[in-house]
Amino acid sequence: MDILQNNQPMFATLILAAGKSSRMGVPKWSLAFDRHQTFVEHLIQVSQRAGSKEIIVVVNIEDQKLFDKHFSKFPMGVKWVINEHPEWERFYSLQLGLRPLMQPLPVLVCNIDHPFLEVTTIQTLLSLKNKADYAVPTYQNQGGHPILISNTIVQDVLKTAEPQIHLKTFLQKYTQARIAVQDPRILSNINTPEDYLHYFPKVKAFSNL
């Protein structure tokens, strides 16, 4: 139960962006968050502002060239990992993304289709200290994203031989801390162009590729 170590908000960030995005039509990481940033750039920038010590992004092999082209110079302190089997779902991406971590830190796990990350949400999750194995933000008693997993869970994920287990099922054996935040967007899930237009009606560029 080491969500916060030494009373310091030290953590790593893992951004899961390896899905095929078939319903969206373009890679979700490339969606415009605003005039200046894509979804993935926003998640990286907010994580860095909150003090993330390491940031890892998992993408699928088909997006690799697009990713390289968009990020001709990748942000300092950020690594990316290729998932050659995105059909194996999120747990496998989680395993791949956790392997390169250099420090035994709690990890903020972000899904690319939940882009509304705020520094205050990260700080709220980190404030739980040693109260549970993982932390979940809630809005009106509904669990949202991202989640913060302890280093105990990180190590257990890496030891798991079954890469296609559902993450929710895997987490059932661990203690959970839920904490309310004031941002209803933690419940958002952007999977289709209609979802995108609902949350970003004023953004002119659909994708920044």
N, C-alpha and C. Protein backbone atom coordinates (compact mmCIF):
# COMPACT_ATOMS: atom_id res chain seq x y z
N MET A 1 0.84 -1.20 0.00
CA MET A 1 0.00 0.00 0.00
C MET A 1 0.87 1.25 0.00
N ASP A 2 1.58 1.46 -1.09
CA ASP A 2 2.56 2.54 -1.12
C ASP A 2 2.24 3.57 -2.18
N ILE A 3 0.98 4.05 -2.18
CA ILE A 3 0.56 5.02 -3.18
C ILE A 3 1.37 6.30 -3.08
N LEU A 4 1.79 6.67 -1.90
CA LEU A 4 2.64 7.85 -1.74
C LEU A 4 3.81 7.47 -0.87
N GLN A 5 5.01 7.69 -1.38
CA GLN A 5 6.19 7.30 -0.64
C GLN A 5 6.87 8.51 -0.03
N ASN A 6 7.25 8.36 1.26
CA ASN A 6 8.00 9.41 1.95
C ASN A 6 7.27 10.75 1.96
N ASN A 7 5.93 10.70 1.92
CA ASN A 7 5.10 11.91 1.96
C ASN A 7 5.40 12.89 0.83
N GLN A 8 5.99 12.40 -0.24
CA GLN A 8 6.27 13.24 -1.39
C GLN A 8 5.44 12.75 -2.58
N PRO A 9 4.90 13.67 -3.38
CA PRO A 9 4.05 13.27 -4.50
C PRO A 9 4.86 12.77 -5.70
N MET A 10 5.63 11.73 -5.49
CA MET A 10 6.43 11.17 -6.58
C MET A 10 5.64 10.04 -7.25
N PHE A 11 5.59 10.10 -8.57
CA PHE A 11 4.83 9.10 -9.30
C PHE A 11 5.31 9.05 -10.75
N ALA A 12 4.91 7.99 -11.43
CA ALA A 12 5.15 7.87 -12.87
C ALA A 12 3.80 7.88 -13.57
N THR A 13 3.82 8.12 -14.87
CA THR A 13 2.57 8.16 -15.66
C THR A 13 2.66 7.19 -16.81
N LEU A 14 1.60 6.43 -17.00
CA LEU A 14 1.49 5.51 -18.13
C LEU A 14 0.25 5.88 -18.92
N ILE A 15 0.43 6.19 -20.21
CA ILE A 15 -0.67 6.58 -21.08
C ILE A 15 -0.93 5.44 -22.06
N LEU A 16 -2.10 4.84 -21.98
CA LEU A 16 -2.45 3.71 -22.83
C LEU A 16 -3.16 4.23 -24.08
N ALA A 17 -2.49 4.10 -25.23
CA ALA A 17 -3.01 4.66 -26.48
C ALA A 17 -2.81 3.71 -27.65
N ALA A 18 -2.91 2.40 -27.38
CA ALA A 18 -2.60 1.41 -28.42
C ALA A 18 -3.83 0.88 -29.14
N GLY A 19 -5.01 1.36 -28.79
CA GLY A 19 -6.23 0.87 -29.42
C GLY A 19 -6.28 1.21 -30.91
N LYS A 20 -7.10 0.46 -31.64
CA LYS A 20 -7.22 0.66 -33.09
C LYS A 20 -8.01 1.90 -33.46
N SER A 21 -8.83 2.40 -32.55
CA SER A 21 -9.65 3.60 -32.80
C SER A 21 -10.53 3.44 -34.04
N SER A 22 -11.07 2.25 -34.26
CA SER A 22 -11.85 1.99 -35.47
C SER A 22 -13.12 2.83 -35.54
N ARG A 23 -13.77 3.05 -34.39
CA ARG A 23 -14.99 3.86 -34.40
C ARG A 23 -14.69 5.34 -34.58
N MET A 24 -13.52 5.78 -34.12
CA MET A 24 -13.16 7.18 -34.24
C MET A 24 -12.68 7.51 -35.65
N GLY A 25 -11.98 6.57 -36.29
CA GLY A 25 -11.50 6.81 -37.65
C GLY A 25 -10.10 7.36 -37.72
N VAL A 26 -9.58 7.91 -36.63
CA VAL A 26 -8.20 8.39 -36.53
C VAL A 26 -7.68 7.97 -35.16
N PRO A 27 -6.36 7.87 -35.00
CA PRO A 27 -5.84 7.52 -33.67
C PRO A 27 -6.29 8.53 -32.62
N LYS A 28 -6.79 8.03 -31.50
CA LYS A 28 -7.31 8.95 -30.48
C LYS A 28 -6.23 9.85 -29.91
N TRP A 29 -4.98 9.36 -29.88
CA TRP A 29 -3.91 10.22 -29.33
C TRP A 29 -3.73 11.47 -30.17
N SER A 30 -4.15 11.41 -31.47
CA SER A 30 -3.94 12.54 -32.37
C SER A 30 -5.09 13.55 -32.33
N LEU A 31 -6.16 13.25 -31.61
CA LEU A 31 -7.29 14.17 -31.55
C LEU A 31 -6.89 15.49 -30.92
N ALA A 32 -7.43 16.56 -31.43
CA ALA A 32 -7.09 17.89 -30.94
C ALA A 32 -7.78 18.15 -29.61
N PHE A 33 -6.99 18.43 -28.59
CA PHE A 33 -7.55 18.82 -27.29
C PHE A 33 -7.89 20.31 -27.31
N ASP A 34 -7.05 21.07 -27.96
CA ASP A 34 -7.29 22.49 -28.19
C ASP A 34 -6.51 22.88 -29.44
N ARG A 35 -6.32 24.16 -29.66
CA ARG A 35 -5.62 24.59 -30.88
C ARG A 35 -4.14 24.23 -30.88
N HIS A 36 -3.62 23.89 -29.73
CA HIS A 36 -2.17 23.68 -29.61
C HIS A 36 -1.77 22.25 -29.29
N GLN A 37 -2.66 21.46 -28.70
CA GLN A 37 -2.28 20.16 -28.18
C GLN A 37 -3.21 19.04 -28.65
N THR A 38 -2.61 17.88 -28.85
CA THR A 38 -3.40 16.67 -29.05
C THR A 38 -3.77 16.09 -27.69
N PHE A 39 -4.60 15.05 -27.70
CA PHE A 39 -4.95 14.39 -26.45
C PHE A 39 -3.69 13.94 -25.71
N VAL A 40 -2.79 13.27 -26.43
CA VAL A 40 -1.61 12.72 -25.76
C VAL A 40 -0.69 13.83 -25.26
N GLU A 41 -0.59 14.90 -26.01
CA GLU A 41 0.25 16.02 -25.56
C GLU A 41 -0.33 16.66 -24.29
N HIS A 42 -1.64 16.76 -24.23
CA HIS A 42 -2.27 17.32 -23.03
C HIS A 42 -2.00 16.44 -21.82
N LEU A 43 -2.16 15.13 -21.96
CA LEU A 43 -1.91 14.22 -20.84
C LEU A 43 -0.46 14.29 -20.38
N ILE A 44 0.45 14.38 -21.33
CA ILE A 44 1.87 14.50 -21.00
C ILE A 44 2.14 15.80 -20.25
N GLN A 45 1.60 16.89 -20.80
CA GLN A 45 1.87 18.21 -20.21
C GLN A 45 1.33 18.32 -18.78
N VAL A 46 0.12 17.83 -18.56
CA VAL A 46 -0.46 17.90 -17.21
C VAL A 46 0.31 17.01 -16.25
N SER A 47 0.70 15.82 -16.70
CA SER A 47 1.49 14.92 -15.85
C SER A 47 2.81 15.56 -15.47
N GLN A 48 3.45 16.22 -16.41
CA GLN A 48 4.72 16.89 -16.11
C GLN A 48 4.52 18.02 -15.12
N ARG A 49 3.45 18.79 -15.28
CA ARG A 49 3.17 19.89 -14.35
C ARG A 49 2.92 19.37 -12.94
N ALA A 50 2.35 18.19 -12.84
CA ALA A 50 2.07 17.61 -11.53
C ALA A 50 3.31 16.97 -10.91
N GLY A 51 4.40 16.88 -11.68
CA GLY A 51 5.65 16.37 -11.14
C GLY A 51 5.97 14.93 -11.47
N SER A 52 5.36 14.38 -12.51
CA SER A 52 5.62 12.98 -12.88
C SER A 52 7.10 12.78 -13.19
N LYS A 53 7.69 11.74 -12.59
CA LYS A 53 9.12 11.48 -12.75
C LYS A 53 9.43 10.73 -14.04
N GLU A 54 8.48 9.93 -14.51
CA GLU A 54 8.63 9.20 -15.76
C GLU A 54 7.28 9.20 -16.46
N ILE A 55 7.30 9.27 -17.80
CA ILE A 55 6.07 9.19 -18.58
C ILE A 55 6.29 8.21 -19.73
N ILE A 56 5.41 7.24 -19.84
CA ILE A 56 5.50 6.24 -20.90
C ILE A 56 4.19 6.20 -21.65
N VAL A 57 4.27 6.18 -22.97
CA VAL A 57 3.09 6.12 -23.83
C VAL A 57 3.14 4.82 -24.63
N VAL A 58 2.05 4.06 -24.63
CA VAL A 58 1.97 2.82 -25.40
C VAL A 58 1.10 3.06 -26.63
N VAL A 59 1.65 2.78 -27.83
CA VAL A 59 0.91 2.93 -29.08
C VAL A 59 0.97 1.61 -29.86
N ASN A 60 0.09 1.45 -30.83
CA ASN A 60 0.14 0.23 -31.64
C ASN A 60 1.12 0.39 -32.79
N ILE A 61 1.50 -0.72 -33.39
CA ILE A 61 2.55 -0.71 -34.41
C ILE A 61 2.13 0.03 -35.66
N GLU A 62 0.83 0.03 -35.97
CA GLU A 62 0.35 0.74 -37.16
C GLU A 62 0.47 2.26 -37.00
N ASP A 63 0.39 2.72 -35.76
CA ASP A 63 0.49 4.17 -35.50
C ASP A 63 1.93 4.64 -35.34
N GLN A 64 2.88 3.73 -35.36
CA GLN A 64 4.25 4.09 -35.05
C GLN A 64 4.79 5.19 -35.97
N LYS A 65 4.60 5.02 -37.28
CA LYS A 65 5.12 6.02 -38.21
C LYS A 65 4.42 7.36 -38.05
N LEU A 66 3.11 7.33 -37.82
CA LEU A 66 2.37 8.57 -37.58
C LEU A 66 2.87 9.25 -36.32
N PHE A 67 3.13 8.44 -35.31
CA PHE A 67 3.62 8.95 -34.04
C PHE A 67 4.99 9.60 -34.22
N ASP A 68 5.87 8.91 -34.96
CA ASP A 68 7.21 9.44 -35.21
C ASP A 68 7.14 10.76 -35.98
N LYS A 69 6.23 10.81 -36.96
CA LYS A 69 6.10 12.02 -37.78
C LYS A 69 5.57 13.19 -36.95
N HIS A 70 4.58 12.92 -36.13
CA HIS A 70 3.99 13.99 -35.32
C HIS A 70 4.98 14.49 -34.28
N PHE A 71 5.69 13.54 -33.65
CA PHE A 71 6.67 13.91 -32.63
C PHE A 71 8.07 13.79 -33.21
N SER A 72 8.42 14.70 -34.10
CA SER A 72 9.78 14.68 -34.66
C SER A 72 10.82 14.83 -33.55
N LYS A 73 10.42 15.52 -32.49
CA LYS A 73 11.24 15.60 -31.28
C LYS A 73 10.34 15.29 -30.10
N PHE A 74 10.53 14.12 -29.53
CA PHE A 74 9.64 13.69 -28.45
C PHE A 74 9.93 14.50 -27.20
N PRO A 75 8.91 14.81 -26.41
CA PRO A 75 9.13 15.58 -25.19
C PRO A 75 10.16 14.93 -24.27
N MET A 76 11.01 15.73 -23.68
CA MET A 76 12.05 15.21 -22.79
C MET A 76 11.42 14.47 -21.61
N GLY A 77 12.00 13.34 -21.27
CA GLY A 77 11.51 12.56 -20.14
C GLY A 77 10.35 11.65 -20.47
N VAL A 78 10.01 11.56 -21.76
CA VAL A 78 8.89 10.72 -22.17
C VAL A 78 9.41 9.58 -23.05
N LYS A 79 8.96 8.37 -22.75
CA LYS A 79 9.31 7.20 -23.57
C LYS A 79 8.04 6.66 -24.22
N TRP A 80 8.20 6.01 -25.35
CA TRP A 80 7.05 5.34 -25.92
C TRP A 80 7.38 3.90 -26.24
N VAL A 81 6.34 3.07 -26.16
CA VAL A 81 6.45 1.63 -26.30
C VAL A 81 5.45 1.17 -27.36
N ILE A 82 5.86 0.22 -28.20
CA ILE A 82 4.97 -0.31 -29.24
C ILE A 82 4.28 -1.58 -28.76
N ASN A 83 2.98 -1.62 -28.91
CA ASN A 83 2.19 -2.81 -28.65
C ASN A 83 1.86 -3.47 -30.00
N GLU A 84 2.47 -4.61 -30.25
CA GLU A 84 2.24 -5.29 -31.52
C GLU A 84 0.96 -6.14 -31.50
N HIS A 85 0.32 -6.21 -30.34
CA HIS A 85 -0.91 -7.01 -30.21
C HIS A 85 -1.99 -6.20 -29.49
N PRO A 86 -2.45 -5.12 -30.09
CA PRO A 86 -3.49 -4.32 -29.43
C PRO A 86 -4.78 -5.09 -29.20
N GLU A 87 -4.98 -6.16 -29.99
CA GLU A 87 -6.18 -6.98 -29.81
C GLU A 87 -6.17 -7.73 -28.48
N TRP A 88 -5.02 -7.78 -27.80
CA TRP A 88 -4.93 -8.43 -26.49
C TRP A 88 -5.42 -7.53 -25.37
N GLU A 89 -5.90 -6.37 -25.73
CA GLU A 89 -6.58 -5.47 -24.81
C GLU A 89 -5.63 -4.76 -23.83
N ARG A 90 -6.28 -4.08 -22.87
CA ARG A 90 -5.59 -3.08 -22.06
C ARG A 90 -4.55 -3.67 -21.11
N PHE A 91 -4.81 -4.83 -20.54
CA PHE A 91 -3.87 -5.37 -19.55
C PHE A 91 -2.50 -5.63 -20.17
N TYR A 92 -2.49 -6.10 -21.41
CA TYR A 92 -1.22 -6.34 -22.09
C TYR A 92 -0.48 -5.02 -22.33
N SER A 93 -1.21 -3.99 -22.73
CA SER A 93 -0.59 -2.67 -22.88
C SER A 93 -0.04 -2.18 -21.55
N LEU A 94 -0.77 -2.46 -20.48
CA LEU A 94 -0.31 -2.07 -19.15
C LEU A 94 1.01 -2.76 -18.82
N GLN A 95 1.10 -4.05 -19.09
CA GLN A 95 2.35 -4.78 -18.84
C GLN A 95 3.50 -4.20 -19.65
N LEU A 96 3.27 -3.96 -20.93
CA LEU A 96 4.32 -3.41 -21.79
C LEU A 96 4.79 -2.05 -21.30
N GLY A 97 3.85 -1.22 -20.90
CA GLY A 97 4.19 0.13 -20.47
C GLY A 97 4.91 0.18 -19.14
N LEU A 98 4.64 -0.80 -18.27
CA LEU A 98 5.29 -0.79 -16.96
C LEU A 98 6.71 -1.32 -16.99
N ARG A 99 7.03 -2.13 -17.98
CA ARG A 99 8.37 -2.75 -18.03
C ARG A 99 9.52 -1.75 -18.06
N PRO A 100 9.42 -0.64 -18.81
CA PRO A 100 10.58 0.27 -18.88
C PRO A 100 10.75 1.19 -17.68
N LEU A 101 9.85 1.15 -16.71
CA LEU A 101 9.95 2.06 -15.57
C LEU A 101 11.28 1.89 -14.85
N MET A 102 11.90 2.99 -14.53
CA MET A 102 13.22 2.97 -13.91
C MET A 102 13.17 3.00 -12.39
N GLN A 103 12.08 3.50 -11.81
CA GLN A 103 11.98 3.66 -10.37
C GLN A 103 10.75 2.95 -9.83
N PRO A 104 10.81 2.45 -8.60
CA PRO A 104 9.66 1.79 -7.97
C PRO A 104 8.66 2.82 -7.44
N LEU A 105 7.89 3.39 -8.35
CA LEU A 105 6.95 4.46 -7.99
C LEU A 105 5.51 4.02 -8.22
N PRO A 106 4.56 4.66 -7.54
CA PRO A 106 3.16 4.48 -7.92
C PRO A 106 2.97 5.02 -9.33
N VAL A 107 2.01 4.47 -10.04
CA VAL A 107 1.83 4.83 -11.45
C VAL A 107 0.41 5.33 -11.69
N LEU A 108 0.33 6.49 -12.32
CA LEU A 108 -0.94 7.05 -12.76
C LEU A 108 -1.25 6.42 -14.12
N VAL A 109 -2.33 5.66 -14.22
CA VAL A 109 -2.69 4.98 -15.45
C VAL A 109 -3.79 5.77 -16.16
N CYS A 110 -3.44 6.29 -17.34
CA CYS A 110 -4.36 7.13 -18.11
C CYS A 110 -4.76 6.43 -19.40
N ASN A 111 -6.03 6.41 -19.70
CA ASN A 111 -6.51 5.93 -20.99
C ASN A 111 -6.64 7.12 -21.93
N ILE A 112 -6.25 6.93 -23.17
CA ILE A 112 -6.25 8.03 -24.12
C ILE A 112 -7.65 8.55 -24.41
N ASP A 113 -8.68 7.72 -24.21
CA ASP A 113 -10.04 8.19 -24.45
C ASP A 113 -10.66 8.88 -23.24
N HIS A 114 -9.85 9.11 -22.21
CA HIS A 114 -10.25 9.92 -21.05
C HIS A 114 -9.24 11.05 -20.92
N PRO A 115 -9.32 12.08 -21.77
CA PRO A 115 -8.23 13.07 -21.85
C PRO A 115 -8.28 14.20 -20.83
N PHE A 116 -9.34 14.29 -20.04
CA PHE A 116 -9.52 15.47 -19.19
C PHE A 116 -8.77 15.35 -17.88
N LEU A 117 -7.47 15.31 -17.98
CA LEU A 117 -6.63 15.19 -16.79
C LEU A 117 -6.32 16.58 -16.22
N GLU A 118 -6.42 16.69 -14.90
CA GLU A 118 -6.13 17.94 -14.21
C GLU A 118 -5.09 17.69 -13.11
N VAL A 119 -4.24 18.67 -12.89
CA VAL A 119 -3.24 18.56 -11.82
C VAL A 119 -3.92 18.32 -10.48
N THR A 120 -5.04 18.99 -10.24
CA THR A 120 -5.73 18.83 -8.97
C THR A 120 -6.23 17.40 -8.77
N THR A 121 -6.65 16.74 -9.84
CA THR A 121 -7.09 15.35 -9.73
C THR A 121 -5.92 14.45 -9.34
N ILE A 122 -4.77 14.68 -9.96
CA ILE A 122 -3.57 13.90 -9.63
C ILE A 122 -3.19 14.13 -8.18
N GLN A 123 -3.20 15.39 -7.74
CA GLN A 123 -2.84 15.69 -6.36
C GLN A 123 -3.81 15.05 -5.38
N THR A 124 -5.09 15.01 -5.74
CA THR A 124 -6.09 14.38 -4.88
C THR A 124 -5.81 12.89 -4.73
N LEU A 125 -5.49 12.23 -5.83
CA LEU A 125 -5.18 10.80 -5.77
C LEU A 125 -3.92 10.55 -4.94
N LEU A 126 -2.91 11.38 -5.14
CA LEU A 126 -1.66 11.22 -4.40
C LEU A 126 -1.84 11.48 -2.90
N SER A 127 -2.82 12.28 -2.55
CA SER A 127 -3.02 12.63 -1.14
C SER A 127 -3.50 11.45 -0.31
N LEU A 128 -3.87 10.34 -0.96
CA LEU A 128 -4.37 9.18 -0.22
C LEU A 128 -3.26 8.43 0.51
N LYS A 129 -2.03 8.76 0.20
CA LYS A 129 -0.88 8.17 0.88
C LYS A 129 -0.98 6.65 0.87
N ASN A 130 -0.97 6.04 2.05
CA ASN A 130 -0.92 4.58 2.15
C ASN A 130 -2.27 3.95 2.45
N LYS A 131 -3.33 4.58 2.05
CA LYS A 131 -4.65 4.10 2.44
C LYS A 131 -5.14 2.89 1.63
N ALA A 132 -4.57 2.61 0.48
CA ALA A 132 -5.05 1.49 -0.34
C ALA A 132 -4.01 1.13 -1.38
N ASP A 133 -4.25 0.00 -2.05
CA ASP A 133 -3.36 -0.44 -3.12
C ASP A 133 -3.54 0.37 -4.39
N TYR A 134 -4.76 0.87 -4.59
CA TYR A 134 -4.96 1.75 -5.74
C TYR A 134 -6.07 2.75 -5.43
N ALA A 135 -6.03 3.87 -6.14
CA ALA A 135 -6.96 4.96 -5.87
C ALA A 135 -7.75 5.31 -7.12
N VAL A 136 -9.02 5.63 -6.90
CA VAL A 136 -9.94 5.94 -7.99
C VAL A 136 -10.64 7.27 -7.69
N PRO A 137 -10.67 8.21 -8.65
CA PRO A 137 -11.45 9.42 -8.43
C PRO A 137 -12.93 9.15 -8.70
N THR A 138 -13.80 9.82 -7.97
CA THR A 138 -15.24 9.63 -8.18
C THR A 138 -15.93 10.97 -8.38
N TYR A 139 -17.04 10.91 -9.09
CA TYR A 139 -17.91 12.08 -9.21
C TYR A 139 -19.34 11.56 -9.03
N GLN A 140 -20.03 12.10 -8.03
CA GLN A 140 -21.38 11.64 -7.67
C GLN A 140 -21.40 10.12 -7.49
N ASN A 141 -20.40 9.64 -6.79
CA ASN A 141 -20.26 8.23 -6.42
C ASN A 141 -19.96 7.29 -7.59
N GLN A 142 -19.66 7.82 -8.74
CA GLN A 142 -19.27 6.99 -9.88
C GLN A 142 -17.75 7.04 -10.07
N GLY A 143 -17.13 5.87 -10.20
CA GLY A 143 -15.69 5.82 -10.40
C GLY A 143 -15.29 6.29 -11.78
N GLY A 144 -14.18 7.02 -11.84
CA GLY A 144 -13.72 7.57 -13.12
C GLY A 144 -12.25 7.29 -13.38
N HIS A 145 -11.62 8.19 -14.13
CA HIS A 145 -10.23 8.04 -14.56
C HIS A 145 -9.48 9.34 -14.32
N PRO A 146 -8.14 9.21 -14.17
CA PRO A 146 -7.30 8.02 -14.20
C PRO A 146 -7.33 7.31 -12.86
N ILE A 147 -6.63 6.17 -12.78
CA ILE A 147 -6.44 5.51 -11.49
C ILE A 147 -4.96 5.58 -11.14
N LEU A 148 -4.69 5.48 -9.85
CA LEU A 148 -3.30 5.48 -9.37
C LEU A 148 -3.04 4.13 -8.73
N ILE A 149 -2.10 3.37 -9.28
CA ILE A 149 -1.80 2.05 -8.73
C ILE A 149 -0.47 2.08 -7.98
N SER A 150 -0.42 1.32 -6.90
CA SER A 150 0.79 1.27 -6.07
C SER A 150 1.88 0.45 -6.76
N ASN A 151 3.10 0.59 -6.25
CA ASN A 151 4.20 -0.22 -6.79
C ASN A 151 3.97 -1.71 -6.53
N THR A 152 3.23 -2.04 -5.49
CA THR A 152 2.88 -3.44 -5.24
C THR A 152 2.11 -4.01 -6.42
N ILE A 153 1.12 -3.26 -6.89
CA ILE A 153 0.34 -3.70 -8.05
C ILE A 153 1.20 -3.72 -9.30
N VAL A 154 2.05 -2.72 -9.46
CA VAL A 154 2.95 -2.69 -10.62
C VAL A 154 3.75 -3.99 -10.72
N GLN A 155 4.34 -4.39 -9.61
CA GLN A 155 5.16 -5.60 -9.62
C GLN A 155 4.33 -6.84 -9.89
N ASP A 156 3.12 -6.89 -9.36
CA ASP A 156 2.25 -8.04 -9.59
C ASP A 156 1.77 -8.10 -11.04
N VAL A 157 1.52 -6.96 -11.64
CA VAL A 157 1.14 -6.93 -13.06
C VAL A 157 2.26 -7.51 -13.91
N LEU A 158 3.49 -7.11 -13.60
CA LEU A 158 4.64 -7.57 -14.38
C LEU A 158 4.88 -9.07 -14.21
N LYS A 159 4.47 -9.63 -13.08
CA LYS A 159 4.67 -11.06 -12.83
C LYS A 159 3.55 -11.93 -13.42
N THR A 160 2.47 -11.31 -13.86
CA THR A 160 1.31 -12.06 -14.31
C THR A 160 1.55 -12.69 -15.67
N ALA A 161 1.32 -13.99 -15.75
CA ALA A 161 1.59 -14.73 -17.00
C ALA A 161 0.46 -14.59 -18.02
N GLU A 162 -0.73 -14.25 -17.58
CA GLU A 162 -1.89 -14.13 -18.48
C GLU A 162 -2.05 -12.67 -18.93
N PRO A 163 -1.68 -12.36 -20.19
CA PRO A 163 -1.70 -10.97 -20.63
C PRO A 163 -3.08 -10.44 -21.02
N GLN A 164 -4.09 -11.32 -21.09
CA GLN A 164 -5.39 -10.88 -21.57
C GLN A 164 -6.44 -10.81 -20.47
N ILE A 165 -6.02 -10.83 -19.22
CA ILE A 165 -6.95 -10.70 -18.12
C ILE A 165 -7.54 -9.30 -18.11
N HIS A 166 -8.79 -9.16 -17.68
CA HIS A 166 -9.41 -7.84 -17.60
C HIS A 166 -8.85 -7.11 -16.37
N LEU A 167 -8.48 -5.86 -16.55
CA LEU A 167 -7.86 -5.11 -15.46
C LEU A 167 -8.78 -5.03 -14.25
N LYS A 168 -10.06 -4.81 -14.47
CA LYS A 168 -10.99 -4.71 -13.36
C LYS A 168 -11.03 -6.01 -12.56
N THR A 169 -10.96 -7.13 -13.27
CA THR A 169 -10.93 -8.43 -12.60
C THR A 169 -9.64 -8.59 -11.81
N PHE A 170 -8.54 -8.20 -12.40
CA PHE A 170 -7.23 -8.30 -11.74
C PHE A 170 -7.20 -7.50 -10.45
N LEU A 171 -7.82 -6.33 -10.45
CA LEU A 171 -7.75 -5.43 -9.30
C LEU A 171 -8.67 -5.84 -8.15
N GLN A 172 -9.52 -6.81 -8.36
CA GLN A 172 -10.48 -7.19 -7.32
C GLN A 172 -9.82 -7.66 -6.03
N LYS A 173 -8.63 -8.21 -6.12
CA LYS A 173 -7.96 -8.73 -4.91
C LYS A 173 -7.20 -7.66 -4.13
N TYR A 174 -7.23 -6.43 -4.61
CA TYR A 174 -6.50 -5.34 -3.96
C TYR A 174 -7.45 -4.37 -3.28
N THR A 175 -6.92 -3.64 -2.31
CA THR A 175 -7.74 -2.65 -1.64
C THR A 175 -7.84 -1.38 -2.49
N GLN A 176 -9.02 -0.80 -2.43
CA GLN A 176 -9.31 0.38 -3.26
C GLN A 176 -9.68 1.57 -2.38
N ALA A 177 -9.16 2.73 -2.73
CA ALA A 177 -9.57 3.98 -2.08
C ALA A 177 -10.28 4.83 -3.12
N ARG A 178 -11.43 5.33 -2.78
CA ARG A 178 -12.21 6.19 -3.67
C ARG A 178 -12.27 7.58 -3.06
N ILE A 179 -12.06 8.58 -3.90
CA ILE A 179 -12.06 9.95 -3.39
C ILE A 179 -12.78 10.86 -4.38
N ALA A 180 -13.66 11.69 -3.85
CA ALA A 180 -14.48 12.54 -4.68
C ALA A 180 -13.69 13.71 -5.24
N VAL A 181 -13.93 14.03 -6.50
CA VAL A 181 -13.38 15.22 -7.14
C VAL A 181 -14.54 16.03 -7.72
N GLN A 182 -14.27 17.26 -8.06
CA GLN A 182 -15.33 18.15 -8.53
C GLN A 182 -15.39 18.27 -10.05
N ASP A 183 -14.78 17.33 -10.75
CA ASP A 183 -14.71 17.40 -12.21
C ASP A 183 -15.52 16.25 -12.82
N PRO A 184 -16.71 16.52 -13.35
CA PRO A 184 -17.53 15.45 -13.93
C PRO A 184 -16.90 14.80 -15.16
N ARG A 185 -15.90 15.46 -15.74
CA ARG A 185 -15.29 14.93 -16.96
C ARG A 185 -14.45 13.68 -16.71
N ILE A 186 -14.19 13.35 -15.43
CA ILE A 186 -13.47 12.11 -15.15
C ILE A 186 -14.28 10.89 -15.59
N LEU A 187 -15.58 11.09 -15.84
CA LEU A 187 -16.46 10.01 -16.27
C LEU A 187 -16.56 9.92 -17.79
N SER A 188 -15.92 10.83 -18.49
CA SER A 188 -16.04 10.88 -19.95
C SER A 188 -15.38 9.68 -20.61
N ASN A 189 -15.88 9.35 -21.80
CA ASN A 189 -15.32 8.26 -22.58
C ASN A 189 -15.49 8.63 -24.04
N ILE A 190 -14.42 9.00 -24.70
CA ILE A 190 -14.50 9.52 -26.07
C ILE A 190 -14.07 8.44 -27.06
N ASN A 191 -15.07 7.79 -27.67
CA ASN A 191 -14.80 6.68 -28.58
C ASN A 191 -15.24 6.92 -30.01
N THR A 192 -16.11 7.89 -30.24
CA THR A 192 -16.67 8.14 -31.57
C THR A 192 -16.57 9.62 -31.91
N PRO A 193 -16.72 9.97 -33.20
CA PRO A 193 -16.74 11.39 -33.57
C PRO A 193 -17.85 12.16 -32.85
N GLU A 194 -18.98 11.49 -32.59
CA GLU A 194 -20.08 12.13 -31.87
C GLU A 194 -19.68 12.45 -30.44
N ASP A 195 -18.98 11.51 -29.80
CA ASP A 195 -18.47 11.78 -28.45
C ASP A 195 -17.54 12.98 -28.46
N TYR A 196 -16.67 13.00 -29.46
CA TYR A 196 -15.69 14.08 -29.54
C TYR A 196 -16.38 15.44 -29.69
N LEU A 197 -17.34 15.52 -30.61
CA LEU A 197 -18.03 16.78 -30.86
C LEU A 197 -18.85 17.23 -29.64
N HIS A 198 -19.29 16.27 -28.85
CA HIS A 198 -20.04 16.63 -27.65
C HIS A 198 -19.14 17.38 -26.66
N TYR A 199 -17.91 16.92 -26.50
CA TYR A 199 -17.00 17.53 -25.54
C TYR A 199 -16.16 18.66 -26.12
N PHE A 200 -15.99 18.66 -27.44
CA PHE A 200 -15.13 19.67 -28.08
C PHE A 200 -15.87 20.34 -29.24
N PRO A 201 -16.99 20.97 -29.01
CA PRO A 201 -17.77 21.55 -30.10
C PRO A 201 -17.09 22.74 -30.78
N LYS A 202 -16.14 23.36 -30.10
CA LYS A 202 -15.51 24.57 -30.64
C LYS A 202 -14.13 24.33 -31.24
N VAL A 203 -13.62 23.11 -31.13
CA VAL A 203 -12.30 22.82 -31.70
C VAL A 203 -12.45 22.55 -33.18
N LYS A 204 -11.77 23.34 -34.01
CA LYS A 204 -11.95 23.25 -35.46
C LYS A 204 -11.22 22.06 -36.06
N ALA A 205 -10.03 21.74 -35.56
CA ALA A 205 -9.27 20.63 -36.13
C ALA A 205 -9.62 19.35 -35.39
N PHE A 206 -10.19 18.38 -36.12
CA PHE A 206 -10.58 17.11 -35.50
C PHE A 206 -9.36 16.33 -35.06
N SER A 207 -8.37 16.22 -35.94
CA SER A 207 -7.13 15.50 -35.65
C SER A 207 -5.96 16.36 -36.04
N ASN A 208 -4.90 16.29 -35.26
CA ASN A 208 -3.72 17.10 -35.52
C ASN A 208 -2.63 16.34 -36.27
N LEU A 209 -3.00 15.30 -37.01
CA LEU A 209 -1.99 14.57 -37.81
C LEU A 209 -1.65 15.40 -39.04
